[in-house]
Amino acid sequence: MDMSAKDLSVSRLTAIVTGVVQGVNFRWFTQRRAAELGVVGYVRNRSDGSVEFVAEGSRNALQRLLDAARVGPSSAVVANVSAQWSAPTGEFQRFEIRF
């Protein structure tokens, strides 16, 4: 096996993305990227203008999702992404956009 145990372990990532991230397809972008990576969870707009996503999957896939969120779709201007890692709860079946 070439992958380390860290890459195979399941984690939970909670991230808050600030900047020009609402009304620029950020949620759709995040959902699509999560689906490509096989990650489950949700993404939603917050009332303060930020976007929050909670995702569970392999640490490697979550890191790739986080890297993608730091760039965002072409119409977004990402100012900051705060990330918090924790143990997964297993509550998600798919990755969805929440309203």
PDB file of N, CA and C in Angstrom:
ATOM      1  N   MET A   1       0.824  -1.189   0.000  1.00  0.00           N
ATOM      2  CA  MET A   1       0.000   0.000   0.000  1.00  0.00           C
ATOM      3  C   MET A   1       0.870   1.254   0.000  1.00  0.00           C
ATOM      4  N   ASP A   2       0.573   2.170  -0.914  1.00  0.00           N
ATOM      5  CA  ASP A   2       1.332   3.412  -0.986  1.00  0.00           C
ATOM      6  C   ASP A   2       0.735   4.515  -0.128  1.00  0.00           C
ATOM      7  N   MET A   3      -0.568   4.413   0.137  1.00  0.00           N
ATOM      8  CA  MET A   3      -1.224   5.456   0.926  1.00  0.00           C
ATOM      9  C   MET A   3      -0.944   5.250   2.407  1.00  0.00           C
ATOM     10  N   SER A   4      -0.771   6.344   3.104  1.00  0.00           N
ATOM     11  CA  SER A   4      -0.568   6.253   4.549  1.00  0.00           C
ATOM     12  C   SER A   4      -1.926   6.101   5.228  1.00  0.00           C
ATOM     13  N   ALA A   5      -1.921   5.674   6.473  1.00  0.00           N
ATOM     14  CA  ALA A   5      -3.168   5.520   7.220  1.00  0.00           C
ATOM     15  C   ALA A   5      -3.884   6.860   7.343  1.00  0.00           C
ATOM     16  N   LYS A   6      -3.126   7.940   7.404  1.00  0.00           N
ATOM     17  CA  LYS A   6      -3.717   9.272   7.519  1.00  0.00           C
ATOM     18  C   LYS A   6      -4.589   9.586   6.304  1.00  0.00           C
ATOM     19  N   ASP A   7      -4.145   9.185   5.113  1.00  0.00           N
ATOM     20  CA  ASP A   7      -4.900   9.438   3.891  1.00  0.00           C
ATOM     21  C   ASP A   7      -6.197   8.642   3.852  1.00  0.00           C
ATOM     22  N   LEU A   8      -6.206   7.478   4.488  1.00  0.00           N
ATOM     23  CA  LEU A   8      -7.358   6.588   4.443  1.00  0.00           C
ATOM     24  C   LEU A   8      -8.361   6.846   5.556  1.00  0.00           C
ATOM     25  N   SER A   9      -7.937   7.512   6.626  1.00  0.00           N
ATOM     26  CA  SER A   9      -8.838   7.735   7.745  1.00  0.00           C
ATOM     27  C   SER A   9      -9.889   8.779   7.381  1.00  0.00           C
ATOM     28  N   VAL A  10     -11.087   8.578   7.914  1.00  0.00           N
ATOM     29  CA  VAL A  10     -12.186   9.493   7.648  1.00  0.00           C
ATOM     30  C   VAL A  10     -12.155  10.626   8.669  1.00  0.00           C
ATOM     31  N   SER A  11     -12.325  11.841   8.185  1.00  0.00           N
ATOM     32  CA  SER A  11     -12.338  13.027   9.031  1.00  0.00           C
ATOM     33  C   SER A  11     -13.545  13.888   8.701  1.00  0.00           C
ATOM     34  N   ARG A  12     -13.730  14.912   9.527  1.00  0.00           N
ATOM     35  CA  ARG A  12     -14.783  15.910   9.310  1.00  0.00           C
ATOM     36  C   ARG A  12     -14.108  17.265   9.208  1.00  0.00           C
ATOM     37  N   LEU A  13     -14.513  18.034   8.218  1.00  0.00           N
ATOM     38  CA  LEU A  13     -13.982  19.371   8.002  1.00  0.00           C
ATOM     39  C   LEU A  13     -15.131  20.363   8.034  1.00  0.00           C
ATOM     40  N   THR A  14     -15.006  21.384   8.861  1.00  0.00           N
ATOM     41  CA  THR A  14     -15.971  22.484   8.886  1.00  0.00           C
ATOM     42  C   THR A  14     -15.210  23.726   8.456  1.00  0.00           C
ATOM     43  N   ALA A  15     -15.697  24.408   7.428  1.00  0.00           N
ATOM     44  CA  ALA A  15     -14.985  25.573   6.913  1.00  0.00           C
ATOM     45  C   ALA A  15     -15.934  26.741   6.705  1.00  0.00           C
ATOM     46  N   ILE A  16     -15.416  27.943   6.973  1.00  0.00           N
ATOM     47  CA  ILE A  16     -16.139  29.185   6.729  1.00  0.00           C
ATOM     48  C   ILE A  16     -15.320  29.967   5.703  1.00  0.00           C
ATOM     49  N   VAL A  17     -15.965  30.322   4.599  1.00  0.00           N
ATOM     50  CA  VAL A  17     -15.294  31.027   3.514  1.00  0.00           C
ATOM     51  C   VAL A  17     -15.834  32.454   3.468  1.00  0.00           C
ATOM     52  N   THR A  18     -14.937  33.438   3.520  1.00  0.00           N
ATOM     53  CA  THR A  18     -15.343  34.833   3.456  1.00  0.00           C
ATOM     54  C   THR A  18     -14.792  35.495   2.198  1.00  0.00           C
ATOM     55  N   GLY A  19     -15.389  36.632   1.864  1.00  0.00           N
ATOM     56  CA  GLY A  19     -15.024  37.362   0.655  1.00  0.00           C
ATOM     57  C   GLY A  19     -16.276  37.544  -0.195  1.00  0.00           C
ATOM     58  N   VAL A  20     -16.101  37.647  -1.504  1.00  0.00           N
ATOM     59  CA  VAL A  20     -17.241  37.720  -2.414  1.00  0.00           C
ATOM     60  C   VAL A  20     -17.560  36.281  -2.794  1.00  0.00           C
ATOM     61  N   VAL A  21     -18.390  35.633  -1.954  1.00  0.00           N
ATOM     62  CA  VAL A  21     -18.640  34.199  -2.112  1.00  0.00           C
ATOM     63  C   VAL A  21     -20.118  33.841  -2.199  1.00  0.00           C
ATOM     64  N   GLN A  22     -20.999  34.844  -2.143  1.00  0.00           N
ATOM     65  CA  GLN A  22     -22.425  34.588  -2.326  1.00  0.00           C
ATOM     66  C   GLN A  22     -22.856  35.209  -3.646  1.00  0.00           C
ATOM     67  N   GLY A  23     -23.736  34.493  -4.361  1.00  0.00           N
ATOM     68  CA  GLY A  23     -24.212  34.982  -5.653  1.00  0.00           C
ATOM     69  C   GLY A  23     -23.207  34.787  -6.776  1.00  0.00           C
ATOM     70  N   VAL A  24     -22.205  33.936  -6.553  1.00  0.00           N
ATOM     71  CA  VAL A  24     -21.153  33.698  -7.555  1.00  0.00           C
ATOM     72  C   VAL A  24     -20.957  32.201  -7.816  1.00  0.00           C
ATOM     73  N   ASN A  25     -22.002  31.409  -7.547  1.00  0.00           N
ATOM     74  CA  ASN A  25     -21.976  29.948  -7.758  1.00  0.00           C
ATOM     75  C   ASN A  25     -21.030  29.196  -6.835  1.00  0.00           C
ATOM     76  N   PHE A  26     -20.701  29.776  -5.694  1.00  0.00           N
ATOM     77  CA  PHE A  26     -19.765  29.120  -4.778  1.00  0.00           C
ATOM     78  C   PHE A  26     -20.330  27.815  -4.230  1.00  0.00           C
ATOM     79  N   ARG A  27     -21.616  27.822  -3.867  1.00  0.00           N
ATOM     80  CA  ARG A  27     -22.216  26.593  -3.322  1.00  0.00           C
ATOM     81  C   ARG A  27     -22.236  25.495  -4.369  1.00  0.00           C
ATOM     82  N   TRP A  28     -22.627  25.822  -5.587  1.00  0.00           N
ATOM     83  CA  TRP A  28     -22.657  24.841  -6.677  1.00  0.00           C
ATOM     84  C   TRP A  28     -21.249  24.304  -6.939  1.00  0.00           C
ATOM     85  N   PHE A  29     -20.269  25.207  -6.980  1.00  0.00           N
ATOM     86  CA  PHE A  29     -18.867  24.833  -7.184  1.00  0.00           C
ATOM     87  C   PHE A  29     -18.408  23.848  -6.110  1.00  0.00           C
ATOM     88  N   THR A  30     -18.736  24.147  -4.850  1.00  0.00           N
ATOM     89  CA  THR A  30     -18.336  23.299  -3.730  1.00  0.00           C
ATOM     90  C   THR A  30     -19.016  21.933  -3.807  1.00  0.00           C
ATOM     91  N   GLN A  31     -20.309  21.932  -4.126  1.00  0.00           N
ATOM     92  CA  GLN A  31     -21.038  20.668  -4.233  1.00  0.00           C
ATOM     93  C   GLN A  31     -20.452  19.795  -5.343  1.00  0.00           C
ATOM     94  N   ARG A  32     -20.154  20.401  -6.470  1.00  0.00           N
ATOM     95  CA  ARG A  32     -19.609  19.650  -7.602  1.00  0.00           C
ATOM     96  C   ARG A  32     -18.231  19.073  -7.273  1.00  0.00           C
ATOM     97  N   ARG A  33     -17.389  19.885  -6.646  1.00  0.00           N
ATOM     98  CA  ARG A  33     -16.045  19.430  -6.274  1.00  0.00           C
ATOM     99  C   ARG A  33     -16.134  18.306  -5.244  1.00  0.00           C
ATOM    100  N   ALA A  34     -17.031  18.446  -4.269  1.00  0.00           N
ATOM    101  CA  ALA A  34     -17.211  17.414  -3.237  1.00  0.00           C
ATOM    102  C   ALA A  34     -17.655  16.099  -3.870  1.00  0.00           C
ATOM    103  N   ALA A  35     -18.575  16.178  -4.834  1.00  0.00           N
ATOM    104  CA  ALA A  35     -19.052  14.969  -5.515  1.00  0.00           C
ATOM    105  C   ALA A  35     -17.912  14.299  -6.272  1.00  0.00           C
ATOM    106  N   GLU A  36     -17.066  15.098  -6.933  1.00  0.00           N
ATOM    107  CA  GLU A  36     -15.916  14.551  -7.660  1.00  0.00           C
ATOM    108  C   GLU A  36     -14.955  13.826  -6.714  1.00  0.00           C
ATOM    109  N   LEU A  37     -14.851  14.329  -5.498  1.00  0.00           N
ATOM    110  CA  LEU A  37     -13.913  13.777  -4.517  1.00  0.00           C
ATOM    111  C   LEU A  37     -14.519  12.664  -3.659  1.00  0.00           C
ATOM    112  N   GLY A  38     -15.826  12.412  -3.803  1.00  0.00           N
ATOM    113  CA  GLY A  38     -16.479  11.373  -3.018  1.00  0.00           C
ATOM    114  C   GLY A  38     -16.707  11.758  -1.574  1.00  0.00           C
ATOM    115  N   VAL A  39     -16.899  13.044  -1.336  1.00  0.00           N
ATOM    116  CA  VAL A  39     -17.082  13.586   0.013  1.00  0.00           C
ATOM    117  C   VAL A  39     -18.577  13.836   0.251  1.00  0.00           C
ATOM    118  N   VAL A  40     -19.033  13.645   1.482  1.00  0.00           N
ATOM    119  CA  VAL A  40     -20.430  13.897   1.842  1.00  0.00           C
ATOM    120  C   VAL A  40     -20.520  15.054   2.817  1.00  0.00           C
ATOM    121  N   GLY A  41     -21.692  15.706   2.872  1.00  0.00           N
ATOM    122  CA  GLY A  41     -21.890  16.832   3.779  1.00  0.00           C
ATOM    123  C   GLY A  41     -22.823  17.853   3.162  1.00  0.00           C
ATOM    124  N   TYR A  42     -22.581  19.139   3.457  1.00  0.00           N
ATOM    125  CA  TYR A  42     -23.427  20.196   2.900  1.00  0.00           C
ATOM    126  C   TYR A  42     -22.656  21.515   2.801  1.00  0.00           C
ATOM    127  N   VAL A  43     -23.219  22.412   2.008  1.00  0.00           N
ATOM    128  CA  VAL A  43     -22.705  23.770   1.889  1.00  0.00           C
ATOM    129  C   VAL A  43     -23.904  24.707   1.974  1.00  0.00           C
ATOM    130  N   ARG A  44     -23.732  25.862   2.622  1.00  0.00           N
ATOM    131  CA  ARG A  44     -24.842  26.818   2.739  1.00  0.00           C
ATOM    132  C   ARG A  44     -24.317  28.241   2.875  1.00  0.00           C
ATOM    133  N   ASN A  45     -25.157  29.189   2.450  1.00  0.00           N
ATOM    134  CA  ASN A  45     -24.856  30.598   2.673  1.00  0.00           C
ATOM    135  C   ASN A  45     -25.188  30.926   4.121  1.00  0.00           C
ATOM    136  N   ARG A  46     -24.404  31.833   4.706  1.00  0.00           N
ATOM    137  CA  ARG A  46     -24.686  32.311   6.057  1.00  0.00           C
ATOM    138  C   ARG A  46     -25.171  33.755   5.972  1.00  0.00           C
ATOM    139  N   SER A  47     -25.895  34.177   6.988  1.00  0.00           N
ATOM    140  CA  SER A  47     -26.495  35.522   6.968  1.00  0.00           C
ATOM    141  C   SER A  47     -25.454  36.638   6.968  1.00  0.00           C
ATOM    142  N   ASP A  48     -24.214  36.335   7.380  1.00  0.00           N
ATOM    143  CA  ASP A  48     -23.168  37.369   7.410  1.00  0.00           C
ATOM    144  C   ASP A  48     -22.448  37.528   6.067  1.00  0.00           C
ATOM    145  N   GLY A  49     -22.919  36.813   5.030  1.00  0.00           N
ATOM    146  CA  GLY A  49     -22.307  36.934   3.711  1.00  0.00           C
ATOM    147  C   GLY A  49     -21.243  35.884   3.417  1.00  0.00           C
ATOM    148  N   SER A  50     -20.939  35.058   4.402  1.00  0.00           N
ATOM    149  CA  SER A  50     -19.951  34.002   4.201  1.00  0.00           C
ATOM    150  C   SER A  50     -20.651  32.727   3.729  1.00  0.00           C
ATOM    151  N   VAL A  51     -19.847  31.738   3.358  1.00  0.00           N
ATOM    152  CA  VAL A  51     -20.359  30.416   2.989  1.00  0.00           C
ATOM    153  C   VAL A  51     -19.724  29.411   3.942  1.00  0.00           C
ATOM    154  N   GLU A  52     -20.537  28.486   4.432  1.00  0.00           N
ATOM    155  CA  GLU A  52     -20.058  27.445   5.341  1.00  0.00           C
ATOM    156  C   GLU A  52     -20.230  26.097   4.671  1.00  0.00           C
ATOM    157  N   PHE A  53     -19.240  25.233   4.827  1.00  0.00           N
ATOM    158  CA  PHE A  53     -19.461  23.853   4.417  1.00  0.00           C
ATOM    159  C   PHE A  53     -18.937  22.902   5.469  1.00  0.00           C
ATOM    160  N   VAL A  54     -19.634  21.791   5.592  1.00  0.00           N
ATOM    161  CA  VAL A  54     -19.264  20.714   6.498  1.00  0.00           C
ATOM    162  C   VAL A  54     -19.151  19.475   5.629  1.00  0.00           C
ATOM    163  N   ALA A  55     -18.010  18.818   5.687  1.00  0.00           N
ATOM    164  CA  ALA A  55     -17.788  17.665   4.815  1.00  0.00           C
ATOM    165  C   ALA A  55     -17.097  16.549   5.581  1.00  0.00           C
ATOM    166  N   GLU A  56     -17.425  15.316   5.189  1.00  0.00           N
ATOM    167  CA  GLU A  56     -16.776  14.143   5.764  1.00  0.00           C
ATOM    168  C   GLU A  56     -16.278  13.259   4.632  1.00  0.00           C
ATOM    169  N   GLY A  57     -15.099  12.706   4.834  1.00  0.00           N
ATOM    170  CA  GLY A  57     -14.491  11.838   3.844  1.00  0.00           C
ATOM    171  C   GLY A  57     -13.054  11.577   4.225  1.00  0.00           C
ATOM    172  N   SER A  58     -12.279  11.071   3.282  1.00  0.00           N
ATOM    173  CA  SER A  58     -10.868  10.828   3.580  1.00  0.00           C
ATOM    174  C   SER A  58     -10.163  12.165   3.796  1.00  0.00           C
ATOM    175  N   ARG A  59      -9.159  12.142   4.624  1.00  0.00           N
ATOM    176  CA  ARG A  59      -8.413  13.374   4.927  1.00  0.00           C
ATOM    177  C   ARG A  59      -7.841  13.980   3.634  1.00  0.00           C
ATOM    178  N   ASN A  60      -7.371  13.135   2.752  1.00  0.00           N
ATOM    179  CA  ASN A  60      -6.811  13.586   1.481  1.00  0.00           C
ATOM    180  C   ASN A  60      -7.864  14.296   0.633  1.00  0.00           C
ATOM    181  N   ALA A  61      -9.038  13.695   0.511  1.00  0.00           N
ATOM    182  CA  ALA A  61     -10.119  14.302  -0.279  1.00  0.00           C
ATOM    183  C   ALA A  61     -10.574  15.617   0.337  1.00  0.00           C
ATOM    184  N   LEU A  62     -10.666  15.652   1.665  1.00  0.00           N
ATOM    185  CA  LEU A  62     -11.086  16.884   2.349  1.00  0.00           C
ATOM    186  C   LEU A  62     -10.055  17.993   2.161  1.00  0.00           C
ATOM    187  N   GLN A  63      -8.782  17.638   2.187  1.00  0.00           N
ATOM    188  CA  GLN A  63      -7.730  18.640   1.962  1.00  0.00           C
ATOM    189  C   GLN A  63      -7.839  19.209   0.549  1.00  0.00           C
ATOM    190  N   ARG A  64      -8.155  18.348  -0.411  1.00  0.00           N
ATOM    191  CA  ARG A  64      -8.321  18.796  -1.797  1.00  0.00           C
ATOM    192  C   ARG A  64      -9.537  19.710  -1.934  1.00  0.00           C
ATOM    193  N   LEU A  65     -10.624  19.400  -1.199  1.00  0.00           N
ATOM    194  CA  LEU A  65     -11.806  20.252  -1.208  1.00  0.00           C
ATOM    195  C   LEU A  65     -11.474  21.610  -0.592  1.00  0.00           C
ATOM    196  N   LEU A  66     -10.729  21.591   0.495  1.00  0.00           N
ATOM    197  CA  LEU A  66     -10.315  22.827   1.147  1.00  0.00           C
ATOM    198  C   LEU A  66      -9.443  23.670   0.217  1.00  0.00           C
ATOM    199  N   ASP A  67      -8.515  23.031  -0.472  1.00  0.00           N
ATOM    200  CA  ASP A  67      -7.668  23.739  -1.443  1.00  0.00           C
ATOM    201  C   ASP A  67      -8.519  24.383  -2.537  1.00  0.00           C
ATOM    202  N   ALA A  68      -9.535  23.657  -3.017  1.00  0.00           N
ATOM    203  CA  ALA A  68     -10.433  24.192  -4.052  1.00  0.00           C
ATOM    204  C   ALA A  68     -11.224  25.385  -3.525  1.00  0.00           C
ATOM    205  N   ALA A  69     -11.679  25.302  -2.264  1.00  0.00           N
ATOM    206  CA  ALA A  69     -12.450  26.397  -1.664  1.00  0.00           C
ATOM    207  C   ALA A  69     -11.609  27.660  -1.513  1.00  0.00           C
ATOM    208  N   ARG A  70     -10.313  27.497  -1.316  1.00  0.00           N
ATOM    209  CA  ARG A  70      -9.421  28.665  -1.181  1.00  0.00           C
ATOM    210  C   ARG A  70      -9.305  29.432  -2.490  1.00  0.00           C
ATOM    211  N   VAL A  71      -9.606  28.763  -3.605  1.00  0.00           N
ATOM    212  CA  VAL A  71      -9.588  29.399  -4.929  1.00  0.00           C
ATOM    213  C   VAL A  71     -11.007  29.811  -5.324  1.00  0.00           C
ATOM    214  N   GLY A  72     -11.950  28.873  -5.198  1.00  0.00           N
ATOM    215  CA  GLY A  72     -13.342  29.141  -5.535  1.00  0.00           C
ATOM    216  C   GLY A  72     -13.572  29.195  -7.030  1.00  0.00           C
ATOM    217  N   PRO A  73     -14.831  29.409  -7.422  1.00  0.00           N
ATOM    218  CA  PRO A  73     -15.137  29.554  -8.848  1.00  0.00           C
ATOM    219  C   PRO A  73     -14.556  30.874  -9.359  1.00  0.00           C
ATOM    220  N   SER A  74     -14.462  31.010 -10.677  1.00  0.00           N
ATOM    221  CA  SER A  74     -13.802  32.184 -11.262  1.00  0.00           C
ATOM    222  C   SER A  74     -14.449  33.508 -10.876  1.00  0.00           C
ATOM    223  N   SER A  75     -15.753  33.502 -10.595  1.00  0.00           N
ATOM    224  CA  SER A  75     -16.442  34.750 -10.253  1.00  0.00           C
ATOM    225  C   SER A  75     -16.334  35.126  -8.771  1.00  0.00           C
ATOM    226  N   ALA A  76     -15.769  34.249  -7.962  1.00  0.00           N
ATOM    227  CA  ALA A  76     -15.636  34.518  -6.520  1.00  0.00           C
ATOM    228  C   ALA A  76     -14.310  35.215  -6.212  1.00  0.00           C
ATOM    229  N   VAL A  77     -14.309  35.931  -5.088  1.00  0.00           N
ATOM    230  CA  VAL A  77     -13.073  36.508  -4.551  1.00  0.00           C
ATOM    231  C   VAL A  77     -12.979  36.014  -3.111  1.00  0.00           C
ATOM    232  N   VAL A  78     -12.170  34.987  -2.898  1.00  0.00           N
ATOM    233  CA  VAL A  78     -12.043  34.395  -1.572  1.00  0.00           C
ATOM    234  C   VAL A  78     -11.035  35.198  -0.751  1.00  0.00           C
ATOM    235  N   ALA A  79     -11.502  35.735   0.376  1.00  0.00           N
ATOM    236  CA  ALA A  79     -10.633  36.516   1.258  1.00  0.00           C
ATOM    237  C   ALA A  79      -9.958  35.611   2.290  1.00  0.00           C
ATOM    238  N   ASN A  80     -10.724  34.678   2.854  1.00  0.00           N
ATOM    239  CA  ASN A  80     -10.191  33.815   3.903  1.00  0.00           C
ATOM    240  C   ASN A  80     -11.007  32.537   4.000  1.00  0.00           C
ATOM    241  N   VAL A  81     -10.342  31.468   4.382  1.00  0.00           N
ATOM    242  CA  VAL A  81     -11.030  30.201   4.669  1.00  0.00           C
ATOM    243  C   VAL A  81     -10.536  29.726   6.026  1.00  0.00           C
ATOM    244  N   SER A  82     -11.441  29.653   6.995  1.00  0.00           N
ATOM    245  CA  SER A  82     -11.063  29.103   8.298  1.00  0.00           C
ATOM    246  C   SER A  82     -11.547  27.663   8.330  1.00  0.00           C
ATOM    247  N   ALA A  83     -10.668  26.772   8.722  1.00  0.00           N
ATOM    248  CA  ALA A  83     -10.984  25.348   8.710  1.00  0.00           C
ATOM    249  C   ALA A  83     -10.813  24.746  10.097  1.00  0.00           C
ATOM    250  N   GLN A  84     -11.725  23.847  10.436  1.00  0.00           N
ATOM    251  CA  GLN A  84     -11.655  23.131  11.711  1.00  0.00           C
ATOM    252  C   GLN A  84     -11.830  21.644  11.425  1.00  0.00           C
ATOM    253  N   TRP A  85     -10.907  20.853  11.900  1.00  0.00           N
ATOM    254  CA  TRP A  85     -10.943  19.391  11.707  1.00  0.00           C
ATOM    255  C   TRP A  85     -11.480  18.733  12.964  1.00  0.00           C
ATOM    256  N   SER A  86     -12.286  17.689  12.767  1.00  0.00           N
ATOM    257  CA  SER A  86     -12.823  16.948  13.906  1.00  0.00           C
ATOM    258  C   SER A  86     -13.151  15.514  13.488  1.00  0.00           C
ATOM    259  N   ALA A  87     -13.674  14.759  14.435  1.00  0.00           N
ATOM    260  CA  ALA A  87     -14.053  13.368  14.160  1.00  0.00           C
ATOM    261  C   ALA A  87     -15.364  13.350  13.382  1.00  0.00           C
ATOM    262  N   PRO A  88     -15.506  12.426  12.441  1.00  0.00           N
ATOM    263  CA  PRO A  88     -16.746  12.355  11.656  1.00  0.00           C
ATOM    264  C   PRO A  88     -17.910  11.830  12.475  1.00  0.00           C
ATOM    265  N   THR A  89     -19.117  12.228  12.095  1.00  0.00           N
ATOM    266  CA  THR A  89     -20.323  11.753  12.778  1.00  0.00           C
ATOM    267  C   THR A  89     -21.047  10.690  11.953  1.00  0.00           C
ATOM    268  N   GLY A  90     -20.760  10.645  10.650  1.00  0.00           N
ATOM    269  CA  GLY A  90     -21.420   9.675   9.784  1.00  0.00           C
ATOM    270  C   GLY A  90     -22.863  10.012   9.471  1.00  0.00           C
ATOM    271  N   GLU A  91     -23.265  11.267   9.707  1.00  0.00           N
ATOM    272  CA  GLU A  91     -24.670  11.654   9.526  1.00  0.00           C
ATOM    273  C   GLU A  91     -25.069  11.929   8.077  1.00  0.00           C
ATOM    274  N   PHE A  92     -24.125  12.075   7.167  1.00  0.00           N
ATOM    275  CA  PHE A  92     -24.441  12.467   5.791  1.00  0.00           C
ATOM    276  C   PHE A  92     -24.437  11.279   4.830  1.00  0.00           C
ATOM    277  N   GLN A  93     -25.360  11.322   3.870  1.00  0.00           N
ATOM    278  CA  GLN A  93     -25.441  10.287   2.833  1.00  0.00           C
ATOM    279  C   GLN A  93     -24.884  10.806   1.506  1.00  0.00           C
ATOM    280  N   ARG A  94     -24.941  12.135   1.320  1.00  0.00           N
ATOM    281  CA  ARG A  94     -24.486  12.756   0.075  1.00  0.00           C
ATOM    282  C   ARG A  94     -24.039  14.180   0.396  1.00  0.00           C
ATOM    283  N   PHE A  95     -23.621  14.908  -0.610  1.00  0.00           N
ATOM    284  CA  PHE A  95     -23.230  16.307  -0.406  1.00  0.00           C
ATOM    285  C   PHE A  95     -24.308  17.182  -1.030  1.00  0.00           C
ATOM    286  N   GLU A  96     -24.895  18.048  -0.231  1.00  0.00           N
ATOM    287  CA  GLU A  96     -26.026  18.836  -0.722  1.00  0.00           C
ATOM    288  C   GLU A  96     -25.867  20.331  -0.444  1.00  0.00           C
ATOM    289  N   ILE A  97     -26.616  21.099  -1.215  1.00  0.00           N
ATOM    290  CA  ILE A  97     -26.698  22.533  -0.979  1.00  0.00           C
ATOM    291  C   ILE A  97     -27.879  22.742  -0.045  1.00  0.00           C
ATOM    292  N   ARG A  98     -27.660  23.434   1.053  1.00  0.00           N
ATOM    293  CA  ARG A  98     -28.743  23.717   2.002  1.00  0.00           C
ATOM    294  C   ARG A  98     -29.127  25.186   1.887  1.00  0.00           C
ATOM    295  N   PHE A  99     -30.404  25.441   2.110  1.00  0.00           N
ATOM    296  CA  PHE A  99     -30.933  26.807   2.013  1.00  0.00           C
ATOM    297  C   PHE A  99     -31.495  27.268   3.345  1.00  0.00           C
TER     298      PHE A  99
END
